[in-house]
Amino acid sequence: MTIITRIHTSKPRRAILVTGGAGFIGSHLVEALLAEGGWRVVVVDNFDEFYDPEIKRANLAPHLLNPNLKLYEADIEDLEALQTIFTDNGFSAIVHLAARAGVLPP
C-alpha cells in the first residue's frame, strides 16, 4: 500500500483595494474575491447619499464577519485617510470602482 501525504502550505494572502466596494458592481467583486480565497479585501466607500447607503450596507452585510474583509468608510478624495489605508495594508492590487452612478451631463 502506498500512502501519499500532501503538505499544504497556505499562500500568504495578498491585499487588494476595492474603491466603491459597497456599490452594486463593487460588492459583487468583493464577494468573488473572498470566495476565491488568497485575498485580503479592503473596501473604501464613502456611502454617499446619491446611492442609498442602506442598500450599500446590505450589499456587504453577508461578508462583514469575514476576517479577510476590511471596510473603511472614507472618501477617496481624503488624502490623509488614503495614506493611512495604504500604509496599513500594503496593496498588491487596486480596483477603482468609486463613482457616482447615473451621473448625467449638465
PDB file of N, CA and C in Angstrom:
ATOM      1  N   MET A   1       0.852  -1.158   0.000  1.00  0.00           N
ATOM      2  CA  MET A   1       0.000   0.000   0.000  1.00  0.00           C
ATOM      3  C   MET A   1       0.909   1.235   0.000  1.00  0.00           C
ATOM      4  N   THR A   2       0.494   2.214  -0.798  1.00  0.00           N
ATOM      5  CA  THR A   2       1.236   3.467  -0.869  1.00  0.00           C
ATOM      6  C   THR A   2       0.418   4.569  -0.212  1.00  0.00           C
ATOM      7  N   ILE A   3       1.045   5.291   0.641  1.00  0.00           N
ATOM      8  CA  ILE A   3       0.378   6.419   1.279  1.00  0.00           C
ATOM      9  C   ILE A   3       1.033   7.697   0.766  1.00  0.00           C
ATOM     10  N   ILE A   4       0.208   8.531   0.220  1.00  0.00           N
ATOM     11  CA  ILE A   4       0.704   9.809  -0.291  1.00  0.00           C
ATOM     12  C   ILE A   4       0.255  10.904   0.668  1.00  0.00           C
ATOM     13  N   THR A   5       1.197  11.636   1.139  1.00  0.00           N
ATOM     14  CA  THR A   5       0.888  12.744   2.038  1.00  0.00           C
ATOM     15  C   THR A   5       1.164  14.045   1.309  1.00  0.00           C
ATOM     16  N   ARG A   6       0.191  14.889   1.330  1.00  0.00           N
ATOM     17  CA  ARG A   6       0.380  16.206   0.728  1.00  0.00           C
ATOM     18  C   ARG A   6       0.588  17.219   1.844  1.00  0.00           C
ATOM     19  N   ILE A   7       1.551  18.019   1.649  1.00  0.00           N
ATOM     20  CA  ILE A   7       1.780  19.099   2.596  1.00  0.00           C
ATOM     21  C   ILE A   7       1.209  20.358   1.970  1.00  0.00           C
ATOM     22  N   HIS A   8       0.221  20.893   2.629  1.00  0.00           N
ATOM     23  CA  HIS A   8      -0.411  22.113   2.131  1.00  0.00           C
ATOM     24  C   HIS A   8       0.243  23.314   2.797  1.00  0.00           C
ATOM     25  N   THR A   9       0.764  24.166   1.982  1.00  0.00           N
ATOM     26  CA  THR A   9       1.279  25.421   2.516  1.00  0.00           C
ATOM     27  C   THR A   9       0.337  26.512   2.049  1.00  0.00           C
ATOM     28  N   SER A  10      -0.118  27.267   2.974  1.00  0.00           N
ATOM     29  CA  SER A  10      -1.036  28.325   2.582  1.00  0.00           C
ATOM     30  C   SER A  10      -0.234  29.511   2.067  1.00  0.00           C
ATOM     31  N   LYS A  11      -0.663  29.995   0.915  1.00  0.00           N
ATOM     32  CA  LYS A  11      -0.026  31.174   0.350  1.00  0.00           C
ATOM     33  C   LYS A  11      -0.372  32.370   1.230  1.00  0.00           C
ATOM     34  N   PRO A  12       0.567  33.257   1.388  1.00  0.00           N
ATOM     35  CA  PRO A  12       0.200  34.464   2.128  1.00  0.00           C
ATOM     36  C   PRO A  12      -0.870  35.224   1.354  1.00  0.00           C
ATOM     37  N   ARG A  13      -1.824  35.739   2.060  1.00  0.00           N
ATOM     38  CA  ARG A  13      -2.901  36.477   1.406  1.00  0.00           C
ATOM     39  C   ARG A  13      -2.383  37.828   0.937  1.00  0.00           C
ATOM     40  N   ARG A  14      -2.718  38.132  -0.299  1.00  0.00           N
ATOM     41  CA  ARG A  14      -2.355  39.427  -0.866  1.00  0.00           C
ATOM     42  C   ARG A  14      -3.486  40.403  -0.605  1.00  0.00           C
ATOM     43  N   ALA A  15      -3.139  41.646  -0.367  1.00  0.00           N
ATOM     44  CA  ALA A  15      -4.152  42.670  -0.103  1.00  0.00           C
ATOM     45  C   ALA A  15      -4.558  43.338  -1.409  1.00  0.00           C
ATOM     46  N   ILE A  16      -5.865  43.488  -1.588  1.00  0.00           N
ATOM     47  CA  ILE A  16      -6.404  44.178  -2.750  1.00  0.00           C
ATOM     48  C   ILE A  16      -7.360  45.261  -2.262  1.00  0.00           C
ATOM     49  N   LEU A  17      -7.227  46.443  -2.835  1.00  0.00           N
ATOM     50  CA  LEU A  17      -8.102  47.559  -2.509  1.00  0.00           C
ATOM     51  C   LEU A  17      -9.202  47.637  -3.553  1.00  0.00           C
ATOM     52  N   VAL A  18     -10.450  47.722  -3.091  1.00  0.00           N
ATOM     53  CA  VAL A  18     -11.592  47.923  -3.985  1.00  0.00           C
ATOM     54  C   VAL A  18     -12.266  49.220  -3.561  1.00  0.00           C
ATOM     55  N   THR A  19     -12.075  50.283  -4.359  1.00  0.00           N
ATOM     56  CA  THR A  19     -12.771  51.532  -4.066  1.00  0.00           C
ATOM     57  C   THR A  19     -14.190  51.397  -4.597  1.00  0.00           C
ATOM     58  N   GLY A  20     -15.144  51.961  -3.885  1.00  0.00           N
ATOM     59  CA  GLY A  20     -16.540  51.801  -4.288  1.00  0.00           C
ATOM     60  C   GLY A  20     -17.018  50.369  -4.094  1.00  0.00           C
ATOM     61  N   GLY A  21     -16.398  49.670  -3.172  1.00  0.00           N
ATOM     62  CA  GLY A  21     -16.666  48.249  -2.974  1.00  0.00           C
ATOM     63  C   GLY A  21     -18.008  47.910  -2.365  1.00  0.00           C
ATOM     64  N   ALA A  22     -18.765  48.911  -1.931  1.00  0.00           N
ATOM     65  CA  ALA A  22     -20.091  48.639  -1.370  1.00  0.00           C
ATOM     66  C   ALA A  22     -21.193  48.809  -2.407  1.00  0.00           C
ATOM     67  N   GLY A  23     -20.852  49.333  -3.562  1.00  0.00           N
ATOM     68  CA  GLY A  23     -21.845  49.505  -4.624  1.00  0.00           C
ATOM     69  C   GLY A  23     -22.205  48.177  -5.275  1.00  0.00           C
ATOM     70  N   PHE A  24     -23.052  48.229  -6.279  1.00  0.00           N
ATOM     71  CA  PHE A  24     -23.547  47.010  -6.921  1.00  0.00           C
ATOM     72  C   PHE A  24     -22.409  46.184  -7.518  1.00  0.00           C
ATOM     73  N   ILE A  25     -21.630  46.781  -8.392  1.00  0.00           N
ATOM     74  CA  ILE A  25     -20.544  46.041  -9.043  1.00  0.00           C
ATOM     75  C   ILE A  25     -19.442  45.727  -8.031  1.00  0.00           C
ATOM     76  N   GLY A  26     -19.071  46.721  -7.237  1.00  0.00           N
ATOM     77  CA  GLY A  26     -18.002  46.524  -6.264  1.00  0.00           C
ATOM     78  C   GLY A  26     -18.285  45.413  -5.278  1.00  0.00           C
ATOM     79  N   SER A  27     -19.512  45.357  -4.778  1.00  0.00           N
ATOM     80  CA  SER A  27     -19.844  44.326  -3.785  1.00  0.00           C
ATOM     81  C   SER A  27     -19.817  42.930  -4.398  1.00  0.00           C
ATOM     82  N   HIS A  28     -20.169  42.830  -5.674  1.00  0.00           N
ATOM     83  CA  HIS A  28     -20.080  41.524  -6.334  1.00  0.00           C
ATOM     84  C   HIS A  28     -18.621  41.114  -6.541  1.00  0.00           C
ATOM     85  N   LEU A  29     -17.770  42.079  -6.845  1.00  0.00           N
ATOM     86  CA  LEU A  29     -16.342  41.784  -6.956  1.00  0.00           C
ATOM     87  C   LEU A  29     -15.788  41.347  -5.600  1.00  0.00           C
ATOM     88  N   VAL A  30     -16.149  42.056  -4.549  1.00  0.00           N
ATOM     89  CA  VAL A  30     -15.708  41.702  -3.194  1.00  0.00           C
ATOM     90  C   VAL A  30     -16.121  40.272  -2.868  1.00  0.00           C
ATOM     91  N   GLU A  31     -17.365  39.940  -3.154  1.00  0.00           N
ATOM     92  CA  GLU A  31     -17.864  38.581  -2.899  1.00  0.00           C
ATOM     93  C   GLU A  31     -17.027  37.544  -3.647  1.00  0.00           C
ATOM     94  N   ALA A  32     -16.729  37.811  -4.920  1.00  0.00           N
ATOM     95  CA  ALA A  32     -15.952  36.864  -5.731  1.00  0.00           C
ATOM     96  C   ALA A  32     -14.521  36.722  -5.205  1.00  0.00           C
ATOM     97  N   LEU A  33     -13.905  37.822  -4.825  1.00  0.00           N
ATOM     98  CA  LEU A  33     -12.535  37.763  -4.301  1.00  0.00           C
ATOM     99  C   LEU A  33     -12.469  36.989  -2.992  1.00  0.00           C
ATOM    100  N   LEU A  34     -13.441  37.203  -2.124  1.00  0.00           N
ATOM    101  CA  LEU A  34     -13.467  36.465  -0.859  1.00  0.00           C
ATOM    102  C   LEU A  34     -13.705  34.977  -1.096  1.00  0.00           C
ATOM    103  N   ALA A  35     -14.567  34.661  -2.060  1.00  0.00           N
ATOM    104  CA  ALA A  35     -14.852  33.254  -2.370  1.00  0.00           C
ATOM    105  C   ALA A  35     -13.633  32.572  -2.984  1.00  0.00           C
ATOM    106  N   GLU A  36     -12.888  33.309  -3.788  1.00  0.00           N
ATOM    107  CA  GLU A  36     -11.694  32.760  -4.435  1.00  0.00           C
ATOM    108  C   GLU A  36     -10.617  32.421  -3.414  1.00  0.00           C
ATOM    109  N   GLY A  37     -10.541  33.204  -2.370  1.00  0.00           N
ATOM    110  CA  GLY A  37      -9.507  32.991  -1.363  1.00  0.00           C
ATOM    111  C   GLY A  37      -8.189  33.589  -1.826  1.00  0.00           C
ATOM    112  N   GLY A  38      -7.248  33.652  -0.916  1.00  0.00           N
ATOM    113  CA  GLY A  38      -5.946  34.189  -1.257  1.00  0.00           C
ATOM    114  C   GLY A  38      -5.869  35.707  -1.220  1.00  0.00           C
ATOM    115  N   TRP A  39      -6.978  36.360  -0.923  1.00  0.00           N
ATOM    116  CA  TRP A  39      -7.005  37.823  -0.890  1.00  0.00           C
ATOM    117  C   TRP A  39      -7.445  38.332   0.471  1.00  0.00           C
ATOM    118  N   ARG A  40      -6.825  39.413   0.900  1.00  0.00           N
ATOM    119  CA  ARG A  40      -7.353  40.240   1.978  1.00  0.00           C
ATOM    120  C   ARG A  40      -7.988  41.418   1.259  1.00  0.00           C
ATOM    121  N   VAL A  41      -9.280  41.518   1.323  1.00  0.00           N
ATOM    122  CA  VAL A  41     -10.014  42.526   0.564  1.00  0.00           C
ATOM    123  C   VAL A  41     -10.254  43.745   1.449  1.00  0.00           C
ATOM    124  N   VAL A  42      -9.822  44.886   0.952  1.00  0.00           N
ATOM    125  CA  VAL A  42     -10.001  46.149   1.659  1.00  0.00           C
ATOM    126  C   VAL A  42     -10.932  47.017   0.821  1.00  0.00           C
ATOM    127  N   VAL A  43     -12.040  47.404   1.414  1.00  0.00           N
ATOM    128  CA  VAL A  43     -13.035  48.223   0.726  1.00  0.00           C
ATOM    129  C   VAL A  43     -12.973  49.641   1.270  1.00  0.00           C
ATOM    130  N   VAL A  44     -12.959  50.600   0.353  1.00  0.00           N
ATOM    131  CA  VAL A  44     -13.109  52.008   0.714  1.00  0.00           C
ATOM    132  C   VAL A  44     -14.356  52.507   0.009  1.00  0.00           C
ATOM    133  N   ASP A  45     -15.311  52.986   0.788  1.00  0.00           N
ATOM    134  CA  ASP A  45     -16.549  53.530   0.225  1.00  0.00           C
ATOM    135  C   ASP A  45     -16.997  54.674   1.125  1.00  0.00           C
ATOM    136  N   ASN A  46     -17.513  55.735   0.524  1.00  0.00           N
ATOM    137  CA  ASN A  46     -17.947  56.878   1.333  1.00  0.00           C
ATOM    138  C   ASN A  46     -19.431  56.821   1.687  1.00  0.00           C
ATOM    139  N   PHE A  47     -20.140  55.822   1.192  1.00  0.00           N
ATOM    140  CA  PHE A  47     -21.569  55.647   1.476  1.00  0.00           C
ATOM    141  C   PHE A  47     -22.338  56.944   1.206  1.00  0.00           C
ATOM    142  N   ASP A  48     -22.027  57.540   0.071  1.00  0.00           N
ATOM    143  CA  ASP A  48     -22.663  58.783  -0.363  1.00  0.00           C
ATOM    144  C   ASP A  48     -24.174  58.606  -0.479  1.00  0.00           C
ATOM    145  N   GLU A  49     -24.914  59.653  -0.156  1.00  0.00           N
ATOM    146  CA  GLU A  49     -26.384  59.620  -0.206  1.00  0.00           C
ATOM    147  C   GLU A  49     -26.923  59.477  -1.630  1.00  0.00           C
ATOM    148  N   PHE A  50     -26.084  59.718  -2.636  1.00  0.00           N
ATOM    149  CA  PHE A  50     -26.525  59.622  -4.030  1.00  0.00           C
ATOM    150  C   PHE A  50     -27.049  58.219  -4.339  1.00  0.00           C
ATOM    151  N   TYR A  51     -26.428  57.216  -3.743  1.00  0.00           N
ATOM    152  CA  TYR A  51     -26.818  55.804  -3.881  1.00  0.00           C
ATOM    153  C   TYR A  51     -27.144  55.366  -2.458  1.00  0.00           C
ATOM    154  N   ASP A  52     -28.367  54.973  -2.208  1.00  0.00           N
ATOM    155  CA  ASP A  52     -28.867  54.683  -0.856  1.00  0.00           C
ATOM    156  C   ASP A  52     -27.840  53.917  -0.010  1.00  0.00           C
ATOM    157  N   PRO A  53     -27.318  54.560   1.034  1.00  0.00           N
ATOM    158  CA  PRO A  53     -26.310  53.911   1.878  1.00  0.00           C
ATOM    159  C   PRO A  53     -26.790  52.605   2.512  1.00  0.00           C
ATOM    160  N   GLU A  54     -28.075  52.498   2.791  1.00  0.00           N
ATOM    161  CA  GLU A  54     -28.583  51.252   3.390  1.00  0.00           C
ATOM    162  C   GLU A  54     -28.485  50.088   2.408  1.00  0.00           C
ATOM    163  N   ILE A  55     -28.695  50.358   1.133  1.00  0.00           N
ATOM    164  CA  ILE A  55     -28.525  49.308   0.119  1.00  0.00           C
ATOM    165  C   ILE A  55     -27.061  48.888   0.068  1.00  0.00           C
ATOM    166  N   LYS A  56     -26.173  49.865   0.100  1.00  0.00           N
ATOM    167  CA  LYS A  56     -24.745  49.552   0.064  1.00  0.00           C
ATOM    168  C   LYS A  56     -24.330  48.735   1.292  1.00  0.00           C
ATOM    169  N   ARG A  57     -24.846  49.110   2.454  1.00  0.00           N
ATOM    170  CA  ARG A  57     -24.520  48.345   3.671  1.00  0.00           C
ATOM    171  C   ARG A  57     -25.051  46.914   3.559  1.00  0.00           C
ATOM    172  N   ALA A  58     -26.241  46.773   2.994  1.00  0.00           N
ATOM    173  CA  ALA A  58     -26.824  45.440   2.798  1.00  0.00           C
ATOM    174  C   ALA A  58     -25.992  44.622   1.811  1.00  0.00           C
ATOM    175  N   ASN A  59     -25.412  45.281   0.806  1.00  0.00           N
ATOM    176  CA  ASN A  59     -24.569  44.576  -0.168  1.00  0.00           C
ATOM    177  C   ASN A  59     -23.390  43.883   0.509  1.00  0.00           C
ATOM    178  N   LEU A  60     -22.819  44.523   1.509  1.00  0.00           N
ATOM    179  CA  LEU A  60     -21.635  43.965   2.179  1.00  0.00           C
ATOM    180  C   LEU A  60     -21.956  43.172   3.440  1.00  0.00           C
ATOM    181  N   ALA A  61     -23.176  43.293   3.935  1.00  0.00           N
ATOM    182  CA  ALA A  61     -23.550  42.664   5.211  1.00  0.00           C
ATOM    183  C   ALA A  61     -23.170  41.187   5.317  1.00  0.00           C
ATOM    184  N   PRO A  62     -23.379  40.375   4.266  1.00  0.00           N
ATOM    185  CA  PRO A  62     -23.048  38.950   4.409  1.00  0.00           C
ATOM    186  C   PRO A  62     -21.558  38.676   4.631  1.00  0.00           C
ATOM    187  N   HIS A  63     -20.711  39.667   4.379  1.00  0.00           N
ATOM    188  CA  HIS A  63     -19.267  39.442   4.438  1.00  0.00           C
ATOM    189  C   HIS A  63     -18.576  40.161   5.593  1.00  0.00           C
ATOM    190  N   LEU A  64     -19.319  40.934   6.363  1.00  0.00           N
ATOM    191  CA  LEU A  64     -18.692  41.780   7.379  1.00  0.00           C
ATOM    192  C   LEU A  64     -17.969  41.002   8.471  1.00  0.00           C
ATOM    193  N   LEU A  65     -18.358  39.768   8.712  1.00  0.00           N
ATOM    194  CA  LEU A  65     -17.679  38.962   9.731  1.00  0.00           C
ATOM    195  C   LEU A  65     -16.506  38.164   9.169  1.00  0.00           C
ATOM    196  N   ASN A  66     -16.295  38.254   7.857  1.00  0.00           N
ATOM    197  CA  ASN A  66     -15.181  37.545   7.233  1.00  0.00           C
ATOM    198  C   ASN A  66     -13.870  38.228   7.645  1.00  0.00           C
ATOM    199  N   PRO A  67     -12.947  37.483   8.238  1.00  0.00           N
ATOM    200  CA  PRO A  67     -11.697  38.101   8.696  1.00  0.00           C
ATOM    201  C   PRO A  67     -10.822  38.618   7.555  1.00  0.00           C
ATOM    202  N   ASN A  68     -11.132  38.243   6.327  1.00  0.00           N
ATOM    203  CA  ASN A  68     -10.352  38.702   5.177  1.00  0.00           C
ATOM    204  C   ASN A  68     -10.945  39.938   4.519  1.00  0.00           C
ATOM    205  N   LEU A  69     -11.927  40.552   5.171  1.00  0.00           N
ATOM    206  CA  LEU A  69     -12.526  41.788   4.669  1.00  0.00           C
ATOM    207  C   LEU A  69     -12.291  42.900   5.678  1.00  0.00           C
ATOM    208  N   LYS A  70     -11.827  44.022   5.169  1.00  0.00           N
ATOM    209  CA  LYS A  70     -11.677  45.221   5.995  1.00  0.00           C
ATOM    210  C   LYS A  70     -12.420  46.336   5.276  1.00  0.00           C
ATOM    211  N   LEU A  71     -13.286  47.031   5.997  1.00  0.00           N
ATOM    212  CA  LEU A  71     -14.105  48.096   5.413  1.00  0.00           C
ATOM    213  C   LEU A  71     -13.739  49.434   6.035  1.00  0.00           C
ATOM    214  N   TYR A  72     -13.449  50.394   5.171  1.00  0.00           N
ATOM    215  CA  TYR A  72     -13.203  51.765   5.608  1.00  0.00           C
ATOM    216  C   TYR A  72     -14.301  52.647   5.037  1.00  0.00           C
ATOM    217  N   GLU A  73     -14.980  53.378   5.892  1.00  0.00           N
ATOM    218  CA  GLU A  73     -15.933  54.372   5.417  1.00  0.00           C
ATOM    219  C   GLU A  73     -15.148  55.663   5.270  1.00  0.00           C
ATOM    220  N   ALA A  74     -14.710  55.922   4.047  1.00  0.00           N
ATOM    221  CA  ALA A  74     -13.858  57.074   3.770  1.00  0.00           C
ATOM    222  C   ALA A  74     -14.054  57.488   2.322  1.00  0.00           C
ATOM    223  N   ASP A  75     -13.715  58.729   2.046  1.00  0.00           N
ATOM    224  CA  ASP A  75     -13.815  59.265   0.694  1.00  0.00           C
ATOM    225  C   ASP A  75     -12.445  59.167   0.033  1.00  0.00           C
ATOM    226  N   ILE A  76     -12.416  58.772  -1.229  1.00  0.00           N
ATOM    227  CA  ILE A  76     -11.130  58.643  -1.918  1.00  0.00           C
ATOM    228  C   ILE A  76     -10.464  60.000  -2.148  1.00  0.00           C
ATOM    229  N   GLU A  77     -11.189  61.079  -1.922  1.00  0.00           N
ATOM    230  CA  GLU A  77     -10.593  62.413  -2.028  1.00  0.00           C
ATOM    231  C   GLU A  77      -9.922  62.848  -0.722  1.00  0.00           C
ATOM    232  N   ASP A  78     -10.060  62.051   0.321  1.00  0.00           N
ATOM    233  CA  ASP A  78      -9.434  62.342   1.612  1.00  0.00           C
ATOM    234  C   ASP A  78      -8.028  61.729   1.607  1.00  0.00           C
ATOM    235  N   LEU A  79      -7.051  62.539   1.209  1.00  0.00           N
ATOM    236  CA  LEU A  79      -5.696  62.027   1.028  1.00  0.00           C
ATOM    237  C   LEU A  79      -5.072  61.516   2.321  1.00  0.00           C
ATOM    238  N   GLU A  80      -5.387  62.150   3.432  1.00  0.00           N
ATOM    239  CA  GLU A  80      -4.848  61.696   4.715  1.00  0.00           C
ATOM    240  C   GLU A  80      -5.374  60.297   5.057  1.00  0.00           C
ATOM    241  N   ALA A  81      -6.671  60.087   4.851  1.00  0.00           N
ATOM    242  CA  ALA A  81      -7.258  58.763   5.103  1.00  0.00           C
ATOM    243  C   ALA A  81      -6.644  57.723   4.170  1.00  0.00           C
ATOM    244  N   LEU A  82      -6.499  58.075   2.893  1.00  0.00           N
ATOM    245  CA  LEU A  82      -5.919  57.131   1.934  1.00  0.00           C
ATOM    246  C   LEU A  82      -4.479  56.788   2.283  1.00  0.00           C
ATOM    247  N   GLN A  83      -3.726  57.771   2.724  1.00  0.00           N
ATOM    248  CA  GLN A  83      -2.341  57.499   3.099  1.00  0.00           C
ATOM    249  C   GLN A  83      -2.289  56.473   4.234  1.00  0.00           C
ATOM    250  N   THR A  84      -3.153  56.634   5.215  1.00  0.00           N
ATOM    251  CA  THR A  84      -3.216  55.680   6.325  1.00  0.00           C
ATOM    252  C   THR A  84      -3.631  54.300   5.826  1.00  0.00           C
ATOM    253  N   ILE A  85      -4.640  54.253   4.971  1.00  0.00           N
ATOM    254  CA  ILE A  85      -5.132  52.978   4.439  1.00  0.00           C
ATOM    255  C   ILE A  85      -4.033  52.266   3.654  1.00  0.00           C
ATOM    256  N   PHE A  86      -3.305  53.006   2.813  1.00  0.00           N
ATOM    257  CA  PHE A  86      -2.225  52.398   2.030  1.00  0.00           C
ATOM    258  C   PHE A  86      -1.090  51.935   2.938  1.00  0.00           C
ATOM    259  N   THR A  87      -0.732  52.739   3.910  1.00  0.00           N
ATOM    260  CA  THR A  87       0.350  52.380   4.829  1.00  0.00           C
ATOM    261  C   THR A  87      -0.002  51.132   5.634  1.00  0.00           C
ATOM    262  N   ASP A  88      -1.240  51.033   6.065  1.00  0.00           N
ATOM    263  CA  ASP A  88      -1.664  49.920   6.916  1.00  0.00           C
ATOM    264  C   ASP A  88      -1.863  48.609   6.171  1.00  0.00           C
ATOM    265  N   ASN A  89      -1.989  48.647   4.839  1.00  0.00           N
ATOM    266  CA  ASN A  89      -2.402  47.435   4.132  1.00  0.00           C
ATOM    267  C   ASN A  89      -1.437  46.903   3.084  1.00  0.00           C
ATOM    268  N   GLY A  90      -0.541  47.683   2.541  1.00  0.00           N
ATOM    269  CA  GLY A  90       0.435  47.177   1.576  1.00  0.00           C
ATOM    270  C   GLY A  90      -0.199  46.432   0.415  1.00  0.00           C
ATOM    271  N   PHE A  91      -0.887  47.130  -0.444  1.00  0.00           N
ATOM    272  CA  PHE A  91      -1.675  46.500  -1.507  1.00  0.00           C
ATOM    273  C   PHE A  91      -0.826  45.880  -2.614  1.00  0.00           C
ATOM    274  N   SER A  92      -1.291  44.729  -3.097  1.00  0.00           N
ATOM    275  CA  SER A  92      -0.727  44.086  -4.277  1.00  0.00           C
ATOM    276  C   SER A  92      -1.495  44.487  -5.527  1.00  0.00           C
ATOM    277  N   ALA A  93      -2.741  44.916  -5.335  1.00  0.00           N
ATOM    278  CA  ALA A  93      -3.589  45.279  -6.473  1.00  0.00           C
ATOM    279  C   ALA A  93      -4.640  46.286  -6.021  1.00  0.00           C
ATOM    280  N   ILE A  94      -5.111  47.077  -6.983  1.00  0.00           N
ATOM    281  CA  ILE A  94      -6.157  48.065  -6.722  1.00  0.00           C
ATOM    282  C   ILE A  94      -7.180  47.983  -7.839  1.00  0.00           C
ATOM    283  N   VAL A  95      -8.453  47.955  -7.461  1.00  0.00           N
ATOM    284  CA  VAL A  95      -9.548  48.036  -8.430  1.00  0.00           C
ATOM    285  C   VAL A  95     -10.343  49.282  -8.069  1.00  0.00           C
ATOM    286  N   HIS A  96     -10.363  50.243  -8.983  1.00  0.00           N
ATOM    287  CA  HIS A  96     -11.012  51.529  -8.720  1.00  0.00           C
ATOM    288  C   HIS A  96     -12.406  51.527  -9.342  1.00  0.00           C
ATOM    289  N   LEU A  97     -13.423  51.415  -8.495  1.00  0.00           N
ATOM    290  CA  LEU A  97     -14.813  51.414  -8.948  1.00  0.00           C
ATOM    291  C   LEU A  97     -15.611  52.560  -8.343  1.00  0.00           C
ATOM    292  N   ALA A  98     -14.982  53.394  -7.540  1.00  0.00           N
ATOM    293  CA  ALA A  98     -15.700  54.504  -6.912  1.00  0.00           C
ATOM    294  C   ALA A  98     -16.148  55.489  -7.987  1.00  0.00           C
ATOM    295  N   ALA A  99     -17.433  55.778  -7.988  1.00  0.00           N
ATOM    296  CA  ALA A  99     -18.002  56.707  -8.967  1.00  0.00           C
ATOM    297  C   ALA A  99     -19.423  57.028  -8.548  1.00  0.00           C
ATOM    298  N   ARG A 100     -19.978  58.023  -9.160  1.00  0.00           N
ATOM    299  CA  ARG A 100     -21.392  58.322  -8.955  1.00  0.00           C
ATOM    300  C   ARG A 100     -22.171  57.660 -10.078  1.00  0.00           C
ATOM    301  N   ALA A 101     -23.029  56.750  -9.710  1.00  0.00           N
ATOM    302  CA  ALA A 101     -23.819  56.026 -10.711  1.00  0.00           C
ATOM    303  C   ALA A 101     -24.856  56.948 -11.332  1.00  0.00           C
ATOM    304  N   GLY A 102     -25.057  56.807 -12.619  1.00  0.00           N
ATOM    305  CA  GLY A 102     -26.132  57.526 -13.300  1.00  0.00           C
ATOM    306  C   GLY A 102     -25.926  59.020 -13.413  1.00  0.00           C
ATOM    307  N   VAL A 103     -24.684  59.482 -13.368  1.00  0.00           N
ATOM    308  CA  VAL A 103     -24.428  60.913 -13.494  1.00  0.00           C
ATOM    309  C   VAL A 103     -24.695  61.333 -14.932  1.00  0.00           C
ATOM    310  N   LEU A 104     -25.489  62.378 -15.081  1.00  0.00           N
ATOM    311  CA  LEU A 104     -25.830  62.884 -16.411  1.00  0.00           C
ATOM    312  C   LEU A 104     -25.101  64.197 -16.657  1.00  0.00           C
ATOM    313  N   PRO A 105     -24.788  64.490 -17.926  1.00  0.00           N
ATOM    314  CA  PRO A 105     -24.145  65.774 -18.207  1.00  0.00           C
ATOM    315  C   PRO A 105     -25.093  66.923 -17.880  1.00  0.00           C
ATOM    316  N   PRO A 106     -24.538  68.104 -17.513  1.00  0.00           N
ATOM    317  CA  PRO A 106     -25.395  69.244 -17.143  1.00  0.00           C
ATOM    318  C   PRO A 106     -26.227  69.749 -18.305  1.00  0.00           C
TER     319      PRO A 106
END
